[in-house]
Amino acid sequence: MKHFKHITASLLGLTAACFVAGGAMAANLTGAGGTAIYPVLQVWAQKYHAKTNNQVNYQAIGSGGGISQIKAKTVDFANSDKPLKRDELAASHLVQFPQVVISIVPVVHLPGIKAGQLVLNGQVLSKIFLGQITRWNDPAIKALNPSVPLPNMAVLVVHRADGSGTTFNFADYLGKVNPEWASKVGADTSIEWPVGVGGKGNAGVAGTVQQTVGSIGYVEYAYAKQSNMVWTDMVNQAGKRVQPTMAAFQSAAANADFSKVQDFYLILTNQPGAASWPITAATYMLMRDDYAADRNKNVLQFLDYALHDGAADAQRLDYVPFPDSVVKQIEASWPKTLHVTP
């Protein structure tokens, strides 16, 4: 792991495996949390296993479940698309740092409508999820899409049924563009949805939308792309129509400045910039500051591999890897916040 040179071997013990009674015994890591990161984390785990023989078992149960599991000390690490604030981290002996940037897209299932044909803005999207826009040929949708053959069909909202960081960021965005959403619903991993049906995980929302004509939901872009779903364009903060592309995700992520915040706490929704996709988020890894050094060492070896060797896989799956400057900030935080010495 050549990228770890600036962190001494005494801190993280850069051996791929530990040796017991003359034989190699691979580490077996357990994690749980957000479903948004699962497509790329699965690839990281497979390649890391091939490289080191270390096994990473990850339960994609939603950010809320991951937070609960790491608090209960039942996993080695957790993932959450919602960053936790200082008081909650300290009370539960947790440390957080970002791993990659995810992007969330609206997805629809409408007769004859193809990916990118429909465009929505934040106001219209929020009113759909508030239950105030109930038919696809509503004048507000037609005004944005004058040349699109919108059906006279009821809108079925599909949302997450589980505790979800994807929900937190989607709801945070809706609250930023519509004060009524902020006052009536707010933003959290679990919220009281005004309308709609629930699906478990990004995969559950994606599956329900695919099976239900007239539906609209929100998923991490990797799910939309891998499942050939019909996503919508969005009008961003600058008033520009943008497609969910790597360039648009990178434009939004470029505004992430972790050097000025505590515990890497940063919300990336509704970022400025003519090219920026409006619903992006850093997804975070959670570890415990009261776990033994060897236990944390094995987790950090994997996550450092993902930050460096896994960056190409992340970008291939339309996640935004962090630049070297942010990676160095993340790595520098580990010996300051975690037990990492033998």
C-alpha atoms as a PDB file:
ATOM      1  CA  MET A   1       0.000   0.000   0.000  1.00  0.00           C
ATOM      2  CA  LYS A   2       2.356   2.619  -1.286  1.00  0.00           C
ATOM      3  CA  HIS A   3      -0.005   5.481  -0.469  1.00  0.00           C
ATOM      4  CA  PHE A   4       0.414   4.948   3.270  1.00  0.00           C
ATOM      5  CA  LYS A   5       4.074   5.983   3.382  1.00  0.00           C
ATOM      6  CA  HIS A   6       3.403   9.214   5.228  1.00  0.00           C
ATOM      7  CA  ILE A   7       1.711   7.292   8.052  1.00  0.00           C
ATOM      8  CA  THR A   8       4.262   5.121   9.814  1.00  0.00           C
ATOM      9  CA  ALA A   9       4.005   1.364   9.888  1.00  0.00           C
ATOM     10  CA  SER A  10       4.036   1.560  13.695  1.00  0.00           C
ATOM     11  CA  LEU A  11       0.690   3.363  13.519  1.00  0.00           C
ATOM     12  CA  LEU A  12      -1.194   1.094  11.176  1.00  0.00           C
ATOM     13  CA  GLY A  13       0.879  -2.088  10.857  1.00  0.00           C
ATOM     14  CA  LEU A  14       0.878  -2.332   7.081  1.00  0.00           C
ATOM     15  CA  THR A  15       0.911  -6.117   6.861  1.00  0.00           C
ATOM     16  CA  ALA A  16      -1.824  -7.610   4.736  1.00  0.00           C
ATOM     17  CA  ALA A  17      -2.459 -10.381   7.252  1.00  0.00           C
ATOM     18  CA  CYS A  18      -1.386 -11.486  10.699  1.00  0.00           C
ATOM     19  CA  PHE A  19       0.450 -14.748  11.326  1.00  0.00           C
ATOM     20  CA  VAL A  20      -0.565 -17.286  13.941  1.00  0.00           C
ATOM     21  CA  ALA A  21       1.380 -20.505  14.677  1.00  0.00           C
ATOM     22  CA  GLY A  22       3.307 -20.154  11.452  1.00  0.00           C
ATOM     23  CA  GLY A  23       0.215 -19.814   9.244  1.00  0.00           C
ATOM     24  CA  ALA A  24      -1.548 -16.770   7.807  1.00  0.00           C
ATOM     25  CA  MET A  25      -4.899 -15.772   9.230  1.00  0.00           C
ATOM     26  CA  ALA A  26      -6.800 -13.186   7.226  1.00  0.00           C
ATOM     27  CA  ALA A  27      -8.784 -10.437   8.878  1.00  0.00           C
ATOM     28  CA  ASN A  28     -12.562 -10.701   8.754  1.00  0.00           C
ATOM     29  CA  LEU A  29     -14.163  -7.240   8.876  1.00  0.00           C
ATOM     30  CA  THR A  30     -17.829  -6.471   9.463  1.00  0.00           C
ATOM     31  CA  GLY A  31     -19.605  -3.278   8.468  1.00  0.00           C
ATOM     32  CA  ALA A  32     -23.154  -2.035   8.082  1.00  0.00           C
ATOM     33  CA  GLY A  33     -25.010   1.044   6.918  1.00  0.00           C
ATOM     34  CA  GLY A  34     -25.991   3.033   3.871  1.00  0.00           C
ATOM     35  CA  THR A  35     -27.149   1.382   0.672  1.00  0.00           C
ATOM     36  CA  ALA A  36     -25.987   4.259  -1.541  1.00  0.00           C
ATOM     37  CA  ILE A  37     -22.338   3.241  -1.254  1.00  0.00           C
ATOM     38  CA  TYR A  38     -23.000  -0.482  -1.621  1.00  0.00           C
ATOM     39  CA  PRO A  39     -22.374  -0.848  -5.393  1.00  0.00           C
ATOM     40  CA  VAL A  40     -18.829   0.494  -5.115  1.00  0.00           C
ATOM     41  CA  LEU A  41     -18.107  -0.902  -1.647  1.00  0.00           C
ATOM     42  CA  GLN A  42     -18.929  -4.346  -2.974  1.00  0.00           C
ATOM     43  CA  VAL A  43     -16.325  -3.900  -5.728  1.00  0.00           C
ATOM     44  CA  TRP A  44     -13.775  -2.585  -3.236  1.00  0.00           C
ATOM     45  CA  ALA A  45     -14.350  -5.576  -0.959  1.00  0.00           C
ATOM     46  CA  GLN A  46     -13.972  -8.092  -3.786  1.00  0.00           C
ATOM     47  CA  LYS A  47     -10.738  -6.576  -5.057  1.00  0.00           C
ATOM     48  CA  TYR A  48      -9.353  -6.076  -1.557  1.00  0.00           C
ATOM     49  CA  HIS A  49     -10.015  -9.731  -0.782  1.00  0.00           C
ATOM     50  CA  ALA A  50      -8.204 -10.787  -3.937  1.00  0.00           C
ATOM     51  CA  LYS A  51      -5.248  -8.565  -3.006  1.00  0.00           C
ATOM     52  CA  THR A  52      -4.949  -9.325   0.716  1.00  0.00           C
ATOM     53  CA  ASN A  53      -7.203 -12.326   1.456  1.00  0.00           C
ATOM     54  CA  ASN A  54      -8.958 -10.108   4.019  1.00  0.00           C
ATOM     55  CA  GLN A  55     -12.742 -10.457   3.987  1.00  0.00           C
ATOM     56  CA  VAL A  56     -15.108  -7.467   4.272  1.00  0.00           C
ATOM     57  CA  ASN A  57     -18.707  -8.372   5.096  1.00  0.00           C
ATOM     58  CA  TYR A  58     -21.045  -5.394   4.698  1.00  0.00           C
ATOM     59  CA  GLN A  59     -24.767  -5.275   5.448  1.00  0.00           C
ATOM     60  CA  ALA A  60     -26.528  -2.643   3.318  1.00  0.00           C
ATOM     61  CA  ILE A  61     -29.282  -1.862   5.826  1.00  0.00           C
ATOM     62  CA  GLY A  62     -29.496   1.937   5.537  1.00  0.00           C
ATOM     63  CA  SER A  63     -27.619   4.710   7.283  1.00  0.00           C
ATOM     64  CA  GLY A  64     -29.901   4.609  10.325  1.00  0.00           C
ATOM     65  CA  GLY A  65     -29.210   0.912  10.809  1.00  0.00           C
ATOM     66  CA  GLY A  66     -25.485   1.417  10.392  1.00  0.00           C
ATOM     67  CA  ILE A  67     -25.430   4.173  13.018  1.00  0.00           C
ATOM     68  CA  SER A  68     -27.316   1.904  15.422  1.00  0.00           C
ATOM     69  CA  GLN A  69     -24.958  -1.021  14.787  1.00  0.00           C
ATOM     70  CA  ILE A  70     -21.744   0.917  15.394  1.00  0.00           C
ATOM     71  CA  LYS A  71     -23.236   2.470  18.536  1.00  0.00           C
ATOM     72  CA  ALA A  72     -24.099  -1.047  19.741  1.00  0.00           C
ATOM     73  CA  LYS A  73     -20.532  -2.238  18.990  1.00  0.00           C
ATOM     74  CA  THR A  74     -21.786  -5.055  16.753  1.00  0.00           C
ATOM     75  CA  VAL A  75     -19.706  -4.061  13.685  1.00  0.00           C
ATOM     76  CA  ASP A  76     -16.154  -2.900  13.019  1.00  0.00           C
ATOM     77  CA  PHE A  77     -17.260   0.118  11.002  1.00  0.00           C
ATOM     78  CA  ALA A  78     -20.425   1.732   9.713  1.00  0.00           C
ATOM     79  CA  ASN A  79     -21.431   3.965   6.845  1.00  0.00           C
ATOM     80  CA  SER A  80     -23.857   6.893   6.858  1.00  0.00           C
ATOM     81  CA  ASP A  81     -24.822   9.406   4.200  1.00  0.00           C
ATOM     82  CA  LYS A  82     -25.858  11.698   7.058  1.00  0.00           C
ATOM     83  CA  PRO A  83     -22.917  13.125   8.990  1.00  0.00           C
ATOM     84  CA  LEU A  84     -23.289  13.194  12.760  1.00  0.00           C
ATOM     85  CA  LYS A  85     -22.714  16.280  14.859  1.00  0.00           C
ATOM     86  CA  ARG A  86     -20.038  16.594  17.541  1.00  0.00           C
ATOM     87  CA  ASP A  87     -22.275  15.934  20.553  1.00  0.00           C
ATOM     88  CA  GLU A  88     -23.626  12.676  19.141  1.00  0.00           C
ATOM     89  CA  LEU A  89     -20.181  11.502  18.063  1.00  0.00           C
ATOM     90  CA  ALA A  90     -18.648  12.222  21.456  1.00  0.00           C
ATOM     91  CA  ALA A  91     -21.513  10.656  23.418  1.00  0.00           C
ATOM     92  CA  SER A  92     -21.157   7.382  21.489  1.00  0.00           C
ATOM     93  CA  HIS A  93     -17.332   7.292  21.173  1.00  0.00           C
ATOM     94  CA  LEU A  94     -17.578   7.644  17.401  1.00  0.00           C
ATOM     95  CA  VAL A  95     -15.267   9.142  14.790  1.00  0.00           C
ATOM     96  CA  GLN A  96     -16.392  10.001  11.254  1.00  0.00           C
ATOM     97  CA  PHE A  97     -14.670  10.874   8.002  1.00  0.00           C
ATOM     98  CA  PRO A  98     -15.855  11.066   4.377  1.00  0.00           C
ATOM     99  CA  GLN A  99     -15.135   8.233   1.955  1.00  0.00           C
ATOM    100  CA  VAL A 100     -16.584   9.327  -1.397  1.00  0.00           C
ATOM    101  CA  VAL A 101     -19.235  11.658  -2.845  1.00  0.00           C
ATOM    102  CA  ILE A 102     -22.581  10.190  -3.868  1.00  0.00           C
ATOM    103  CA  SER A 103     -25.257  11.735  -6.069  1.00  0.00           C
ATOM    104  CA  ILE A 104     -29.019  11.347  -5.750  1.00  0.00           C
ATOM    105  CA  VAL A 105     -31.382  11.487  -8.728  1.00  0.00           C
ATOM    106  CA  PRO A 106     -35.153  11.513  -9.174  1.00  0.00           C
ATOM    107  CA  VAL A 107     -36.330   8.461 -11.128  1.00  0.00           C
ATOM    108  CA  VAL A 108     -39.695   8.019 -12.833  1.00  0.00           C
ATOM    109  CA  HIS A 109     -41.740   5.371 -14.636  1.00  0.00           C
ATOM    110  CA  LEU A 110     -43.957   7.008 -17.251  1.00  0.00           C
ATOM    111  CA  PRO A 111     -45.253   5.705 -20.586  1.00  0.00           C
ATOM    112  CA  GLY A 112     -42.993   6.770 -23.443  1.00  0.00           C
ATOM    113  CA  ILE A 113     -40.693   8.906 -21.293  1.00  0.00           C
ATOM    114  CA  LYS A 114     -36.964   8.231 -21.617  1.00  0.00           C
ATOM    115  CA  ALA A 115     -34.040   9.059 -19.324  1.00  0.00           C
ATOM    116  CA  GLY A 116     -33.262  12.763 -19.383  1.00  0.00           C
ATOM    117  CA  GLN A 117     -36.375  13.692 -21.350  1.00  0.00           C
ATOM    118  CA  LEU A 118     -38.147  15.169 -18.320  1.00  0.00           C
ATOM    119  CA  VAL A 119     -36.794  18.062 -16.254  1.00  0.00           C
ATOM    120  CA  LEU A 120     -37.865  19.095 -12.755  1.00  0.00           C
ATOM    121  CA  ASN A 121     -36.844  21.911 -10.459  1.00  0.00           C
ATOM    122  CA  GLY A 122     -36.680  21.930  -6.678  1.00  0.00           C
ATOM    123  CA  GLN A 123     -40.028  23.639  -6.182  1.00  0.00           C
ATOM    124  CA  VAL A 124     -41.915  21.164  -8.359  1.00  0.00           C
ATOM    125  CA  LEU A 125     -40.076  18.182  -6.882  1.00  0.00           C
ATOM    126  CA  SER A 126     -40.851  19.313  -3.339  1.00  0.00           C
ATOM    127  CA  LYS A 127     -44.529  19.859  -4.173  1.00  0.00           C
ATOM    128  CA  ILE A 128     -44.736  16.362  -5.653  1.00  0.00           C
ATOM    129  CA  PHE A 129     -43.336  14.852  -2.450  1.00  0.00           C
ATOM    130  CA  LEU A 130     -45.584  17.114  -0.339  1.00  0.00           C
ATOM    131  CA  GLY A 131     -48.580  15.675  -2.194  1.00  0.00           C
ATOM    132  CA  GLN A 132     -49.531  19.069  -3.659  1.00  0.00           C
ATOM    133  CA  ILE A 133     -48.870  17.999  -7.267  1.00  0.00           C
ATOM    134  CA  THR A 134     -50.833  14.833  -7.844  1.00  0.00           C
ATOM    135  CA  ARG A 135     -51.008  14.355 -11.631  1.00  0.00           C
ATOM    136  CA  TRP A 136     -48.259  14.202 -14.224  1.00  0.00           C
ATOM    137  CA  ASN A 137     -49.933  16.730 -16.521  1.00  0.00           C
ATOM    138  CA  ASP A 138     -50.076  19.331 -13.745  1.00  0.00           C
ATOM    139  CA  PRO A 139     -49.469  22.859 -15.132  1.00  0.00           C
ATOM    140  CA  ALA A 140     -46.288  23.251 -13.069  1.00  0.00           C
ATOM    141  CA  ILE A 141     -44.720  20.154 -14.659  1.00  0.00           C
ATOM    142  CA  LYS A 142     -46.030  21.125 -18.113  1.00  0.00           C
ATOM    143  CA  ALA A 143     -44.445  24.588 -17.804  1.00  0.00           C
ATOM    144  CA  LEU A 144     -41.027  22.975 -17.379  1.00  0.00           C
ATOM    145  CA  ASN A 145     -41.673  20.388 -20.113  1.00  0.00           C
ATOM    146  CA  PRO A 146     -43.774  22.067 -22.852  1.00  0.00           C
ATOM    147  CA  SER A 147     -42.736  19.601 -25.557  1.00  0.00           C
ATOM    148  CA  VAL A 148     -42.954  16.400 -23.488  1.00  0.00           C
ATOM    149  CA  PRO A 149     -46.135  14.265 -23.873  1.00  0.00           C
ATOM    150  CA  LEU A 150     -47.066  14.166 -20.182  1.00  0.00           C
ATOM    151  CA  PRO A 151     -49.755  11.596 -19.368  1.00  0.00           C
ATOM    152  CA  ASN A 152     -52.982  12.432 -17.526  1.00  0.00           C
ATOM    153  CA  MET A 153     -51.999  10.005 -14.804  1.00  0.00           C
ATOM    154  CA  ALA A 154     -51.839  10.051 -11.014  1.00  0.00           C
ATOM    155  CA  VAL A 155     -48.417  10.553  -9.394  1.00  0.00           C
ATOM    156  CA  LEU A 156     -47.311   7.796  -7.014  1.00  0.00           C
ATOM    157  CA  VAL A 157     -44.500   8.873  -4.693  1.00  0.00           C
ATOM    158  CA  VAL A 158     -41.998   6.185  -3.668  1.00  0.00           C
ATOM    159  CA  HIS A 159     -39.722   6.926  -0.716  1.00  0.00           C
ATOM    160  CA  ARG A 160     -37.448   5.069   1.660  1.00  0.00           C
ATOM    161  CA  ALA A 161     -39.091   2.996   4.370  1.00  0.00           C
ATOM    162  CA  ASP A 162     -35.891   2.543   6.393  1.00  0.00           C
ATOM    163  CA  GLY A 163     -33.596   5.003   8.145  1.00  0.00           C
ATOM    164  CA  SER A 164     -31.671   6.492   5.263  1.00  0.00           C
ATOM    165  CA  GLY A 165     -28.925   9.034   4.689  1.00  0.00           C
ATOM    166  CA  THR A 166     -30.122   9.239   1.097  1.00  0.00           C
ATOM    167  CA  THR A 167     -33.437  10.422   2.539  1.00  0.00           C
ATOM    168  CA  PHE A 168     -31.655  12.903   4.808  1.00  0.00           C
ATOM    169  CA  ASN A 169     -29.870  14.564   1.888  1.00  0.00           C
ATOM    170  CA  PHE A 170     -32.894  14.440  -0.430  1.00  0.00           C
ATOM    171  CA  ALA A 171     -35.079  16.002   2.274  1.00  0.00           C
ATOM    172  CA  ASP A 172     -32.381  18.548   3.121  1.00  0.00           C
ATOM    173  CA  TYR A 173     -32.359  19.634  -0.527  1.00  0.00           C
ATOM    174  CA  LEU A 174     -36.157  19.922  -0.638  1.00  0.00           C
ATOM    175  CA  GLY A 175     -36.059  22.070   2.495  1.00  0.00           C
ATOM    176  CA  LYS A 176     -33.463  24.383   1.003  1.00  0.00           C
ATOM    177  CA  VAL A 177     -35.544  25.035  -2.113  1.00  0.00           C
ATOM    178  CA  ASN A 178     -38.947  25.134  -0.398  1.00  0.00           C
ATOM    179  CA  PRO A 179     -39.374  26.600   3.122  1.00  0.00           C
ATOM    180  CA  GLU A 180     -42.726  24.826   3.412  1.00  0.00           C
ATOM    181  CA  TRP A 181     -40.934  21.479   3.230  1.00  0.00           C
ATOM    182  CA  ALA A 182     -38.433  22.614   5.858  1.00  0.00           C
ATOM    183  CA  SER A 183     -41.174  23.677   8.271  1.00  0.00           C
ATOM    184  CA  LYS A 184     -43.601  20.799   7.711  1.00  0.00           C
ATOM    185  CA  VAL A 185     -41.290  17.824   7.119  1.00  0.00           C
ATOM    186  CA  GLY A 186     -37.655  18.728   7.779  1.00  0.00           C
ATOM    187  CA  ALA A 187     -34.670  16.486   7.126  1.00  0.00           C
ATOM    188  CA  ASP A 188     -33.483  13.358   8.928  1.00  0.00           C
ATOM    189  CA  THR A 189     -32.730   9.724   8.181  1.00  0.00           C
ATOM    190  CA  SER A 190     -36.385   8.950   8.981  1.00  0.00           C
ATOM    191  CA  ILE A 191     -39.145  11.493   8.387  1.00  0.00           C
ATOM    192  CA  GLU A 192     -42.950  11.594   8.354  1.00  0.00           C
ATOM    193  CA  TRP A 193     -43.682  11.418   4.647  1.00  0.00           C
ATOM    194  CA  PRO A 194     -46.765  13.405   3.582  1.00  0.00           C
ATOM    195  CA  VAL A 195     -47.618  10.910   0.831  1.00  0.00           C
ATOM    196  CA  GLY A 196     -46.370   7.799  -0.900  1.00  0.00           C
ATOM    197  CA  VAL A 197     -45.272   4.210  -0.369  1.00  0.00           C
ATOM    198  CA  GLY A 198     -41.997   2.992   1.088  1.00  0.00           C
ATOM    199  CA  GLY A 199     -39.238   0.788  -0.255  1.00  0.00           C
ATOM    200  CA  LYS A 200     -36.344  -0.659   1.730  1.00  0.00           C
ATOM    201  CA  GLY A 201     -32.968   0.655   0.661  1.00  0.00           C
ATOM    202  CA  ASN A 202     -32.021   2.273  -2.620  1.00  0.00           C
ATOM    203  CA  ALA A 203     -32.669  -1.107  -4.227  1.00  0.00           C
ATOM    204  CA  GLY A 204     -36.197  -1.241  -2.792  1.00  0.00           C
ATOM    205  CA  VAL A 205     -37.091   2.225  -4.070  1.00  0.00           C
ATOM    206  CA  ALA A 206     -35.584   1.430  -7.478  1.00  0.00           C
ATOM    207  CA  GLY A 207     -37.502  -1.833  -7.709  1.00  0.00           C
ATOM    208  CA  THR A 208     -40.828  -0.276  -6.737  1.00  0.00           C
ATOM    209  CA  VAL A 209     -40.453   2.525  -9.292  1.00  0.00           C
ATOM    210  CA  GLN A 210     -39.529   0.040 -12.019  1.00  0.00           C
ATOM    211  CA  GLN A 211     -42.634  -2.012 -11.278  1.00  0.00           C
ATOM    212  CA  THR A 212     -45.117   0.873 -10.900  1.00  0.00           C
ATOM    213  CA  VAL A 213     -46.313   3.009 -13.812  1.00  0.00           C
ATOM    214  CA  GLY A 214     -46.831   6.624 -12.778  1.00  0.00           C
ATOM    215  CA  SER A 215     -44.288   6.493  -9.964  1.00  0.00           C
ATOM    216  CA  ILE A 216     -41.441   8.784  -8.931  1.00  0.00           C
ATOM    217  CA  GLY A 217     -38.694   8.066  -6.414  1.00  0.00           C
ATOM    218  CA  TYR A 218     -35.121   9.026  -5.557  1.00  0.00           C
ATOM    219  CA  VAL A 219     -32.038   6.800  -5.615  1.00  0.00           C
ATOM    220  CA  GLU A 220     -28.271   7.032  -5.651  1.00  0.00           C
ATOM    221  CA  TYR A 221     -27.218   7.415  -9.272  1.00  0.00           C
ATOM    222  CA  ALA A 222     -25.361   4.080  -9.423  1.00  0.00           C
ATOM    223  CA  TYR A 223     -28.696   2.273  -8.886  1.00  0.00           C
ATOM    224  CA  ALA A 224     -30.390   4.298 -11.608  1.00  0.00           C
ATOM    225  CA  LYS A 225     -27.574   3.656 -14.064  1.00  0.00           C
ATOM    226  CA  GLN A 226     -27.084  -0.047 -13.355  1.00  0.00           C
ATOM    227  CA  SER A 227     -30.824  -0.705 -13.575  1.00  0.00           C
ATOM    228  CA  ASN A 228     -31.314   1.422 -16.723  1.00  0.00           C
ATOM    229  CA  MET A 229     -33.858   3.568 -14.905  1.00  0.00           C
ATOM    230  CA  VAL A 230     -35.463   6.729 -16.264  1.00  0.00           C
ATOM    231  CA  TRP A 231     -33.900   9.641 -14.403  1.00  0.00           C
ATOM    232  CA  THR A 232     -34.903  13.260 -14.752  1.00  0.00           C
ATOM    233  CA  ASP A 233     -32.758  16.299 -15.408  1.00  0.00           C
ATOM    234  CA  MET A 234     -32.818  19.001 -12.741  1.00  0.00           C
ATOM    235  CA  VAL A 235     -32.715  22.787 -12.658  1.00  0.00           C
ATOM    236  CA  ASN A 236     -29.893  23.681 -10.267  1.00  0.00           C
ATOM    237  CA  GLN A 237     -29.327  26.629  -7.926  1.00  0.00           C
ATOM    238  CA  ALA A 238     -27.940  28.695 -10.814  1.00  0.00           C
ATOM    239  CA  GLY A 239     -31.168  28.138 -12.770  1.00  0.00           C
ATOM    240  CA  LYS A 240     -29.471  25.871 -15.316  1.00  0.00           C
ATOM    241  CA  ARG A 241     -30.790  22.551 -16.580  1.00  0.00           C
ATOM    242  CA  VAL A 242     -28.239  19.840 -15.790  1.00  0.00           C
ATOM    243  CA  GLN A 243     -28.020  16.124 -16.402  1.00  0.00           C
ATOM    244  CA  PRO A 244     -26.697  13.643 -13.812  1.00  0.00           C
ATOM    245  CA  THR A 245     -23.176  13.288 -15.190  1.00  0.00           C
ATOM    246  CA  MET A 246     -19.753  12.882 -13.622  1.00  0.00           C
ATOM    247  CA  ALA A 247     -18.914  16.466 -14.651  1.00  0.00           C
ATOM    248  CA  ALA A 248     -22.023  17.764 -12.858  1.00  0.00           C
ATOM    249  CA  PHE A 249     -21.275  15.683  -9.753  1.00  0.00           C
ATOM    250  CA  GLN A 250     -17.659  16.865  -9.715  1.00  0.00           C
ATOM    251  CA  SER A 251     -18.753  20.486 -10.076  1.00  0.00           C
ATOM    252  CA  ALA A 252     -20.876  20.201  -6.939  1.00  0.00           C
ATOM    253  CA  ALA A 253     -18.223  18.214  -5.038  1.00  0.00           C
ATOM    254  CA  ALA A 254     -15.580  20.831  -5.842  1.00  0.00           C
ATOM    255  CA  ASN A 255     -17.230  23.061  -3.234  1.00  0.00           C
ATOM    256  CA  ALA A 256     -16.388  20.620  -0.425  1.00  0.00           C
ATOM    257  CA  ASP A 257     -13.891  22.299   1.920  1.00  0.00           C
ATOM    258  CA  PHE A 258     -13.388  20.037   4.919  1.00  0.00           C
ATOM    259  CA  SER A 259     -10.521  22.134   6.289  1.00  0.00           C
ATOM    260  CA  LYS A 260     -12.946  24.635   7.829  1.00  0.00           C
ATOM    261  CA  VAL A 261     -15.330  22.251   9.602  1.00  0.00           C
ATOM    262  CA  GLN A 262     -15.186  20.026  12.680  1.00  0.00           C
ATOM    263  CA  ASP A 263     -15.413  16.237  12.314  1.00  0.00           C
ATOM    264  CA  PHE A 264     -15.640  16.628   8.513  1.00  0.00           C
ATOM    265  CA  TYR A 265     -19.291  17.696   8.954  1.00  0.00           C
ATOM    266  CA  LEU A 266     -20.423  19.084   5.601  1.00  0.00           C
ATOM    267  CA  ILE A 267     -23.714  19.078   3.681  1.00  0.00           C
ATOM    268  CA  LEU A 268     -23.302  19.287  -0.106  1.00  0.00           C
ATOM    269  CA  THR A 269     -26.877  19.718  -1.332  1.00  0.00           C
ATOM    270  CA  ASN A 270     -27.872  22.666  -3.562  1.00  0.00           C
ATOM    271  CA  GLN A 271     -24.300  23.746  -4.288  1.00  0.00           C
ATOM    272  CA  PRO A 272     -23.611  26.809  -6.464  1.00  0.00           C
ATOM    273  CA  GLY A 273     -22.215  26.614  -9.985  1.00  0.00           C
ATOM    274  CA  ALA A 274     -23.807  26.587 -13.418  1.00  0.00           C
ATOM    275  CA  ALA A 275     -22.729  22.974 -14.000  1.00  0.00           C
ATOM    276  CA  SER A 276     -23.456  21.581 -10.491  1.00  0.00           C
ATOM    277  CA  TRP A 277     -25.857  18.700  -9.862  1.00  0.00           C
ATOM    278  CA  PRO A 278     -28.106  19.888  -7.004  1.00  0.00           C
ATOM    279  CA  ILE A 279     -28.383  16.722  -4.873  1.00  0.00           C
ATOM    280  CA  THR A 280     -24.937  15.444  -3.902  1.00  0.00           C
ATOM    281  CA  ALA A 281     -23.569  14.271  -0.550  1.00  0.00           C
ATOM    282  CA  ALA A 282     -20.420  13.050   1.102  1.00  0.00           C
ATOM    283  CA  THR A 283     -20.911   9.564   2.490  1.00  0.00           C
ATOM    284  CA  TYR A 284     -19.167   8.909   5.811  1.00  0.00           C
ATOM    285  CA  MET A 285     -17.443   6.044   7.541  1.00  0.00           C
ATOM    286  CA  LEU A 286     -18.011   5.709  11.277  1.00  0.00           C
ATOM    287  CA  MET A 287     -15.554   4.030  13.619  1.00  0.00           C
ATOM    288  CA  ARG A 288     -15.232   3.783  17.396  1.00  0.00           C
ATOM    289  CA  ASP A 289     -12.507   5.567  19.322  1.00  0.00           C
ATOM    290  CA  ASP A 290     -12.699   2.934  22.072  1.00  0.00           C
ATOM    291  CA  TYR A 291     -11.969  -0.079  19.857  1.00  0.00           C
ATOM    292  CA  ALA A 292      -8.563  -1.736  20.183  1.00  0.00           C
ATOM    293  CA  ALA A 293      -5.752  -0.629  17.881  1.00  0.00           C
ATOM    294  CA  ASP A 294      -5.582  -3.929  15.979  1.00  0.00           C
ATOM    295  CA  ARG A 295      -9.317  -3.854  15.256  1.00  0.00           C
ATOM    296  CA  ASN A 296      -9.170  -0.307  13.885  1.00  0.00           C
ATOM    297  CA  LYS A 297      -5.935  -1.009  12.024  1.00  0.00           C
ATOM    298  CA  ASN A 298      -7.590  -3.666   9.866  1.00  0.00           C
ATOM    299  CA  VAL A 299     -10.519  -1.374   9.029  1.00  0.00           C
ATOM    300  CA  LEU A 300      -8.245   1.552   8.149  1.00  0.00           C
ATOM    301  CA  GLN A 301      -6.140  -0.611   5.858  1.00  0.00           C
ATOM    302  CA  PHE A 302      -9.279  -1.421   3.864  1.00  0.00           C
ATOM    303  CA  LEU A 303     -10.631   2.130   3.816  1.00  0.00           C
ATOM    304  CA  ASP A 304      -7.244   3.538   2.832  1.00  0.00           C
ATOM    305  CA  TYR A 305      -7.098   1.003  -0.004  1.00  0.00           C
ATOM    306  CA  ALA A 306     -10.534   2.238  -1.101  1.00  0.00           C
ATOM    307  CA  LEU A 307      -9.492   5.907  -0.982  1.00  0.00           C
ATOM    308  CA  HIS A 308      -6.516   5.236  -3.245  1.00  0.00           C
ATOM    309  CA  ASP A 309      -6.700   1.999  -5.240  1.00  0.00           C
ATOM    310  CA  GLY A 310     -10.504   2.148  -5.229  1.00  0.00           C
ATOM    311  CA  ALA A 311     -10.766   5.659  -6.666  1.00  0.00           C
ATOM    312  CA  ALA A 312     -10.890   4.449 -10.273  1.00  0.00           C
ATOM    313  CA  ASP A 313     -13.687   1.992  -9.464  1.00  0.00           C
ATOM    314  CA  ALA A 314     -15.585   4.743  -7.669  1.00  0.00           C
ATOM    315  CA  GLN A 315     -15.406   7.041 -10.678  1.00  0.00           C
ATOM    316  CA  ARG A 316     -16.319   4.226 -13.058  1.00  0.00           C
ATOM    317  CA  LEU A 317     -19.514   3.744 -11.051  1.00  0.00           C
ATOM    318  CA  ASP A 318     -20.197   7.532 -11.052  1.00  0.00           C
ATOM    319  CA  TYR A 319     -19.127   8.279  -7.512  1.00  0.00           C
ATOM    320  CA  VAL A 320     -16.737  11.201  -7.030  1.00  0.00           C
ATOM    321  CA  PRO A 321     -13.433  10.250  -5.343  1.00  0.00           C
ATOM    322  CA  PHE A 322     -11.807  12.860  -3.148  1.00  0.00           C
ATOM    323  CA  PRO A 323      -8.696  14.700  -4.328  1.00  0.00           C
ATOM    324  CA  ASP A 324      -5.336  13.981  -2.703  1.00  0.00           C
ATOM    325  CA  SER A 325      -5.630  17.062  -0.496  1.00  0.00           C
ATOM    326  CA  VAL A 326      -8.798  15.729   1.154  1.00  0.00           C
ATOM    327  CA  VAL A 327      -7.427  12.175   1.365  1.00  0.00           C
ATOM    328  CA  LYS A 328      -4.418  13.516   3.262  1.00  0.00           C
ATOM    329  CA  GLN A 329      -6.730  15.345   5.674  1.00  0.00           C
ATOM    330  CA  ILE A 330      -8.648  12.125   6.267  1.00  0.00           C
ATOM    331  CA  GLU A 331      -5.530  10.029   6.843  1.00  0.00           C
ATOM    332  CA  ALA A 332      -3.973  12.658   9.098  1.00  0.00           C
ATOM    333  CA  SER A 333      -7.067  12.562  11.328  1.00  0.00           C
ATOM    334  CA  TRP A 334      -6.806   8.838  12.074  1.00  0.00           C
ATOM    335  CA  PRO A 335      -3.877   8.787  14.553  1.00  0.00           C
ATOM    336  CA  LYS A 336      -5.385  11.849  16.275  1.00  0.00           C
ATOM    337  CA  THR A 337      -8.849  10.390  16.820  1.00  0.00           C
ATOM    338  CA  LEU A 338      -8.512   6.583  16.879  1.00  0.00           C
ATOM    339  CA  HIS A 339      -6.455   3.939  18.629  1.00  0.00           C
ATOM    340  CA  VAL A 340      -4.105   2.906  15.844  1.00  0.00           C
ATOM    341  CA  THR A 341      -0.922   1.908  17.673  1.00  0.00           C
ATOM    342  CA  PRO A 342      -0.157  -1.638  18.819  1.00  0.00           C
END
